[in-house]
C-alpha atoms as a PDB file:
ATOM      1  CA  UNK A   1      -0.016  -0.006   0.053  1.00  0.00           C
ATOM      2  CA  UNK A   2       1.286   3.467  -0.891  1.00  0.00           C
ATOM      3  CA  UNK A   3       2.808   5.325   2.028  1.00  0.00           C
ATOM      4  CA  UNK A   4       0.626   8.398   1.526  1.00  0.00           C
ATOM      5  CA  UNK A   5      -2.477   6.229   1.658  1.00  0.00           C
ATOM      6  CA  UNK A   6      -1.323   4.484   4.860  1.00  0.00           C
ATOM      7  CA  UNK A   7      -0.659   7.890   6.441  1.00  0.00           C
ATOM      8  CA  UNK A   8      -4.088   9.044   5.411  1.00  0.00           C
ATOM      9  CA  UNK A   9      -5.630   5.808   6.845  1.00  0.00           C
ATOM     10  CA  UNK A  10      -3.810   6.494  10.124  1.00  0.00           C
ATOM     11  CA  UNK A  11      -5.164  10.040  10.337  1.00  0.00           C
ATOM     12  CA  UNK A  12      -8.662   8.851   9.538  1.00  0.00           C
ATOM     13  CA  UNK A  13      -8.490   6.164  12.227  1.00  0.00           C
ATOM     14  CA  UNK A  14      -7.228   8.683  14.828  1.00  0.00           C
ATOM     15  CA  UNK A  15      -9.905  11.240  13.772  1.00  0.00           C
ATOM     16  CA  UNK A  16     -12.511   8.490  14.274  1.00  0.00           C
ATOM     17  CA  UNK A  17     -11.178   8.099  17.799  1.00  0.00           C
ATOM     18  CA  UNK A  18     -11.778  11.759  18.503  1.00  0.00           C
ATOM     19  CA  UNK A  19      -8.311  13.125  17.754  1.00  0.00           C
ATOM     20  CA  UNK A  20      -8.174  16.816  16.838  1.00  0.00           C
ATOM     21  CA  UNK A  21      -6.036  17.483  13.796  1.00  0.00           C
ATOM     22  CA  UNK A  22      -5.315  20.161  11.352  1.00  0.00           C
ATOM     23  CA  UNK A  23      -3.639  19.424   8.080  1.00  0.00           C
ATOM     24  CA  UNK A  24      -0.961  21.788   6.703  1.00  0.00           C
ATOM     25  CA  UNK A  25      -0.373  23.362   3.382  1.00  0.00           C
ATOM     26  CA  UNK A  26       2.914  25.002   4.487  1.00  0.00           C
ATOM     27  CA  UNK A  27       5.968  24.567   2.453  1.00  0.00           C
ATOM     28  CA  UNK A  28       8.184  25.294   5.455  1.00  0.00           C
ATOM     29  CA  UNK A  29      10.509  22.406   6.451  1.00  0.00           C
ATOM     30  CA  UNK A  30       9.502  20.354   9.466  1.00  0.00           C
ATOM     31  CA  UNK A  31      12.715  21.163  11.309  1.00  0.00           C
ATOM     32  CA  UNK A  32      14.126  24.645  11.803  1.00  0.00           C
ATOM     33  CA  UNK A  33      17.724  25.229  10.634  1.00  0.00           C
ATOM     34  CA  UNK A  34      19.352  24.512  14.060  1.00  0.00           C
ATOM     35  CA  UNK A  35      17.625  21.131  14.248  1.00  0.00           C
ATOM     36  CA  UNK A  36      18.362  20.369  10.612  1.00  0.00           C
ATOM     37  CA  UNK A  37      22.063  20.703  11.539  1.00  0.00           C
ATOM     38  CA  UNK A  38      21.631  18.437  14.587  1.00  0.00           C
ATOM     39  CA  UNK A  39      19.570  15.949  12.612  1.00  0.00           C
ATOM     40  CA  UNK A  40      20.856  16.102   8.970  1.00  0.00           C
ATOM     41  CA  UNK A  41      19.762  12.572   7.936  1.00  0.00           C
ATOM     42  CA  UNK A  42      16.067  12.295   8.979  1.00  0.00           C
ATOM     43  CA  UNK A  43      14.164   9.602   6.956  1.00  0.00           C
ATOM     44  CA  UNK A  44      12.131  11.341   4.237  1.00  0.00           C
ATOM     45  CA  UNK A  45       9.067   9.195   5.083  1.00  0.00           C
ATOM     46  CA  UNK A  46       8.910  10.774   8.501  1.00  0.00           C
ATOM     47  CA  UNK A  47       9.329  14.334   7.334  1.00  0.00           C
ATOM     48  CA  UNK A  48       6.844  13.827   4.419  1.00  0.00           C
ATOM     49  CA  UNK A  49       4.213  12.609   6.921  1.00  0.00           C
ATOM     50  CA  UNK A  50       4.737  15.170   9.569  1.00  0.00           C
ATOM     51  CA  UNK A  51       4.994  18.092   7.074  1.00  0.00           C
ATOM     52  CA  UNK A  52       1.377  17.269   6.063  1.00  0.00           C
ATOM     53  CA  UNK A  53       0.179  17.958   9.590  1.00  0.00           C
ATOM     54  CA  UNK A  54      -0.197  21.307  11.401  1.00  0.00           C
ATOM     55  CA  UNK A  55      -1.345  19.609  14.614  1.00  0.00           C
ATOM     56  CA  UNK A  56      -2.552  16.195  15.664  1.00  0.00           C
ATOM     57  CA  UNK A  57      -3.479  15.570  19.295  1.00  0.00           C
ATOM     58  CA  UNK A  58      -5.822  13.156  21.168  1.00  0.00           C
ATOM     59  CA  UNK A  59      -8.981  14.354  22.836  1.00  0.00           C
ATOM     60  CA  UNK A  60      -7.330  14.585  26.280  1.00  0.00           C
ATOM     61  CA  UNK A  61      -4.360  16.467  24.846  1.00  0.00           C
ATOM     62  CA  UNK A  62      -1.843  14.085  26.374  1.00  0.00           C
ATOM     63  CA  UNK A  63      -0.744  12.284  23.234  1.00  0.00           C
ATOM     64  CA  UNK A  64       0.464  14.180  20.189  1.00  0.00           C
ATOM     65  CA  UNK A  65       2.609  14.088  17.060  1.00  0.00           C
ATOM     66  CA  UNK A  66       5.437  16.654  17.088  1.00  0.00           C
ATOM     67  CA  UNK A  67       4.786  19.079  14.242  1.00  0.00           C
ATOM     68  CA  UNK A  68       6.494  22.216  12.917  1.00  0.00           C
ATOM     69  CA  UNK A  69       5.348  24.519  15.748  1.00  0.00           C
ATOM     70  CA  UNK A  70       6.499  21.955  18.352  1.00  0.00           C
ATOM     71  CA  UNK A  71      10.051  21.843  16.841  1.00  0.00           C
ATOM     72  CA  UNK A  72      10.192  25.641  16.950  1.00  0.00           C
ATOM     73  CA  UNK A  73       8.846  26.060  20.525  1.00  0.00           C
ATOM     74  CA  UNK A  74      11.508  27.172  22.989  1.00  0.00           C
ATOM     75  CA  UNK A  75       9.078  28.326  25.727  1.00  0.00           C
ATOM     76  CA  UNK A  76      10.328  26.849  28.999  1.00  0.00           C
ATOM     77  CA  UNK A  77       6.797  27.088  30.417  1.00  0.00           C
ATOM     78  CA  UNK A  78       5.442  24.539  27.961  1.00  0.00           C
ATOM     79  CA  UNK A  79       6.299  20.938  27.125  1.00  0.00           C
ATOM     80  CA  UNK A  80       8.977  21.214  24.504  1.00  0.00           C
ATOM     81  CA  UNK A  81       9.764  18.701  21.691  1.00  0.00           C
ATOM     82  CA  UNK A  82      12.969  17.742  23.578  1.00  0.00           C
ATOM     83  CA  UNK A  83      11.556  17.877  27.103  1.00  0.00           C
ATOM     84  CA  UNK A  84      12.536  14.272  27.818  1.00  0.00           C
ATOM     85  CA  UNK A  85      16.185  15.010  26.829  1.00  0.00           C
ATOM     86  CA  UNK A  86      16.190  18.095  29.038  1.00  0.00           C
ATOM     87  CA  UNK A  87      14.804  16.082  31.953  1.00  0.00           C
ATOM     88  CA  UNK A  88      17.700  13.621  31.509  1.00  0.00           C
ATOM     89  CA  UNK A  89      20.236  16.418  31.456  1.00  0.00           C
ATOM     90  CA  UNK A  90      19.145  17.631  34.910  1.00  0.00           C
ATOM     91  CA  UNK A  91      22.179  16.114  36.518  1.00  0.00           C
ATOM     92  CA  UNK A  92      25.555  17.421  37.616  1.00  0.00           C
ATOM     93  CA  UNK A  93      27.297  14.363  36.206  1.00  0.00           C
ATOM     94  CA  UNK A  94      29.167  15.503  33.051  1.00  0.00           C
ATOM     95  CA  UNK A  95      29.626  11.892  31.794  1.00  0.00           C
ATOM     96  CA  UNK A  96      25.926  11.234  32.101  1.00  0.00           C
ATOM     97  CA  UNK A  97      25.095  14.522  30.306  1.00  0.00           C
ATOM     98  CA  UNK A  98      27.466  13.505  27.486  1.00  0.00           C
ATOM     99  CA  UNK A  99      25.806  10.107  27.135  1.00  0.00           C
ATOM    100  CA  UNK A 100      22.374  11.751  27.163  1.00  0.00           C
ATOM    101  CA  UNK A 101      23.304  14.209  24.376  1.00  0.00           C
ATOM    102  CA  UNK A 102      24.829  11.436  22.360  1.00  0.00           C
ATOM    103  CA  UNK A 103      21.679   9.291  22.685  1.00  0.00           C
ATOM    104  CA  UNK A 104      19.287  12.111  21.700  1.00  0.00           C
ATOM    105  CA  UNK A 105      21.500  13.115  18.853  1.00  0.00           C
ATOM    106  CA  UNK A 106      20.806   9.684  17.373  1.00  0.00           C
ATOM    107  CA  UNK A 107      17.038   9.575  18.214  1.00  0.00           C
ATOM    108  CA  UNK A 108      14.572  12.175  16.933  1.00  0.00           C
ATOM    109  CA  UNK A 109      11.290  12.042  18.836  1.00  0.00           C
ATOM    110  CA  UNK A 110       8.228  12.506  16.730  1.00  0.00           C
ATOM    111  CA  UNK A 111       5.392  11.500  19.125  1.00  0.00           C
ATOM    112  CA  UNK A 112       4.910  12.057  22.845  1.00  0.00           C
ATOM    113  CA  UNK A 113       2.454  10.762  25.506  1.00  0.00           C
ATOM    114  CA  UNK A 114       2.190  12.188  29.036  1.00  0.00           C
ATOM    115  CA  UNK A 115      -0.901  10.292  30.249  1.00  0.00           C
ATOM    116  CA  UNK A 116       1.056   7.859  32.491  1.00  0.00           C
ATOM    117  CA  UNK A 117       4.783   7.588  32.216  1.00  0.00           C
ATOM    118  CA  UNK A 118       6.493   9.899  29.798  1.00  0.00           C
ATOM    119  CA  UNK A 119       6.430   7.825  26.603  1.00  0.00           C
ATOM    120  CA  UNK A 120       7.911   8.681  23.278  1.00  0.00           C
ATOM    121  CA  UNK A 121       8.265   7.332  19.829  1.00  0.00           C
ATOM    122  CA  UNK A 122      11.418   8.355  17.992  1.00  0.00           C
ATOM    123  CA  UNK A 123      13.188   7.532  14.726  1.00  0.00           C
ATOM    124  CA  UNK A 124      16.693   6.020  15.106  1.00  0.00           C
ATOM    125  CA  UNK A 125      19.401   7.918  13.230  1.00  0.00           C
ATOM    126  CA  UNK A 126      22.115   5.532  14.364  1.00  0.00           C
ATOM    127  CA  UNK A 127      23.778   3.845  11.305  1.00  0.00           C
ATOM    128  CA  UNK A 128      23.182   0.411  12.844  1.00  0.00           C
ATOM    129  CA  UNK A 129      19.395   0.907  13.152  1.00  0.00           C
ATOM    130  CA  UNK A 130      18.792   3.847  10.833  1.00  0.00           C
ATOM    131  CA  UNK A 131      15.103   4.501  10.232  1.00  0.00           C
ATOM    132  CA  UNK A 132      13.719   2.181  12.932  1.00  0.00           C
ATOM    133  CA  UNK A 133      11.007   3.492  15.109  1.00  0.00           C
ATOM    134  CA  UNK A 134      11.734   3.066  18.792  1.00  0.00           C
ATOM    135  CA  UNK A 135       9.711   3.463  21.990  1.00  0.00           C
ATOM    136  CA  UNK A 136      10.964   4.622  25.338  1.00  0.00           C
ATOM    137  CA  UNK A 137       9.397   5.662  28.598  1.00  0.00           C
ATOM    138  CA  UNK A 138      10.286   7.257  31.936  1.00  0.00           C
ATOM    139  CA  UNK A 139      12.925   5.558  34.034  1.00  0.00           C
ATOM    140  CA  UNK A 140      14.383   3.924  30.907  1.00  0.00           C
ATOM    141  CA  UNK A 141      14.189   6.871  28.494  1.00  0.00           C
ATOM    142  CA  UNK A 142      17.501   6.045  26.956  1.00  0.00           C
ATOM    143  CA  UNK A 143      16.928   2.288  26.640  1.00  0.00           C
ATOM    144  CA  UNK A 144      14.291   2.140  23.910  1.00  0.00           C
ATOM    145  CA  UNK A 145      12.779  -0.920  22.293  1.00  0.00           C
ATOM    146  CA  UNK A 146      12.220  -1.301  18.536  1.00  0.00           C
ATOM    147  CA  UNK A 147       8.657  -0.874  17.463  1.00  0.00           C
ATOM    148  CA  UNK A 148       9.082  -1.111  13.665  1.00  0.00           C
ATOM    149  CA  UNK A 149      12.083  -1.441  11.367  1.00  0.00           C
ATOM    150  CA  UNK A 150      11.067   1.590   9.361  1.00  0.00           C
ATOM    151  CA  UNK A 151       8.688   4.564   9.471  1.00  0.00           C
ATOM    152  CA  UNK A 152       6.615   3.076   6.693  1.00  0.00           C
ATOM    153  CA  UNK A 153       6.103  -0.154   8.683  1.00  0.00           C
ATOM    154  CA  UNK A 154       5.318   1.946  11.789  1.00  0.00           C
ATOM    155  CA  UNK A 155       2.560   3.779   9.817  1.00  0.00           C
ATOM    156  CA  UNK A 156       1.002   0.492   8.911  1.00  0.00           C
ATOM    157  CA  UNK A 157       1.170  -0.943  12.429  1.00  0.00           C
ATOM    158  CA  UNK A 158      -0.132   2.209  14.023  1.00  0.00           C
ATOM    159  CA  UNK A 159      -2.927   2.550  11.475  1.00  0.00           C
ATOM    160  CA  UNK A 160      -4.035  -1.030  12.221  1.00  0.00           C
ATOM    161  CA  UNK A 161      -3.806  -0.397  16.006  1.00  0.00           C
ATOM    162  CA  UNK A 162      -5.698   2.836  15.830  1.00  0.00           C
ATOM    163  CA  UNK A 163      -8.425   1.269  13.708  1.00  0.00           C
ATOM    164  CA  UNK A 164      -8.792  -1.608  16.238  1.00  0.00           C
ATOM    165  CA  UNK A 165      -7.540  -4.316  13.795  1.00  0.00           C
ATOM    166  CA  UNK A 166      -4.464  -4.980  15.828  1.00  0.00           C
ATOM    167  CA  UNK A 167      -3.537  -4.915  19.544  1.00  0.00           C
ATOM    168  CA  UNK A 168       0.080  -3.936  19.302  1.00  0.00           C
ATOM    169  CA  UNK A 169       1.975  -2.725  22.403  1.00  0.00           C
ATOM    170  CA  UNK A 170       3.403  -0.145  22.805  1.00  0.00           C
ATOM    171  CA  UNK A 171       1.297   1.516  20.088  1.00  0.00           C
ATOM    172  CA  UNK A 172      -1.817   0.937  22.035  1.00  0.00           C
ATOM    173  CA  UNK A 173      -0.424   3.425  24.534  1.00  0.00           C
ATOM    174  CA  UNK A 174      -0.482   6.098  21.777  1.00  0.00           C
ATOM    175  CA  UNK A 175      -4.130   5.650  20.760  1.00  0.00           C
END
């Protein structure tokens, strides 16, 4: 099935579950220049999908896709796109901070959930697992598990989970 159709199927399934979303017609890149420098090799499937969305959040506003505005938000009073990284950096241990930065330099989060633990979905940019979608949550933020080998496969799995045709953990936590 074509990637655009699978992405559309996912958005339809989420809308049917009450998610609020706004599609985008902006030509502005997903990531601002500073993040493009930090993340120069983001899979095109991920950026193509997210660039089509202005916002996409569940009815309780505690699960959302990170969109253009999120990646540009630097307001310390709100939950920023890299809030989990910032939480991990709240230590005086320089070695730990270095490891944290290295981890997050290789994992770009694209979906967050704050309804229980702090959960995230990210795309791996590590050459050994490039393009895989991973899941992590509080207490083990930097020890993620692989959800799908690619963003395209993730879209299929998440679409099936959101539509109720599959019961796939951890994606059930993001519906």
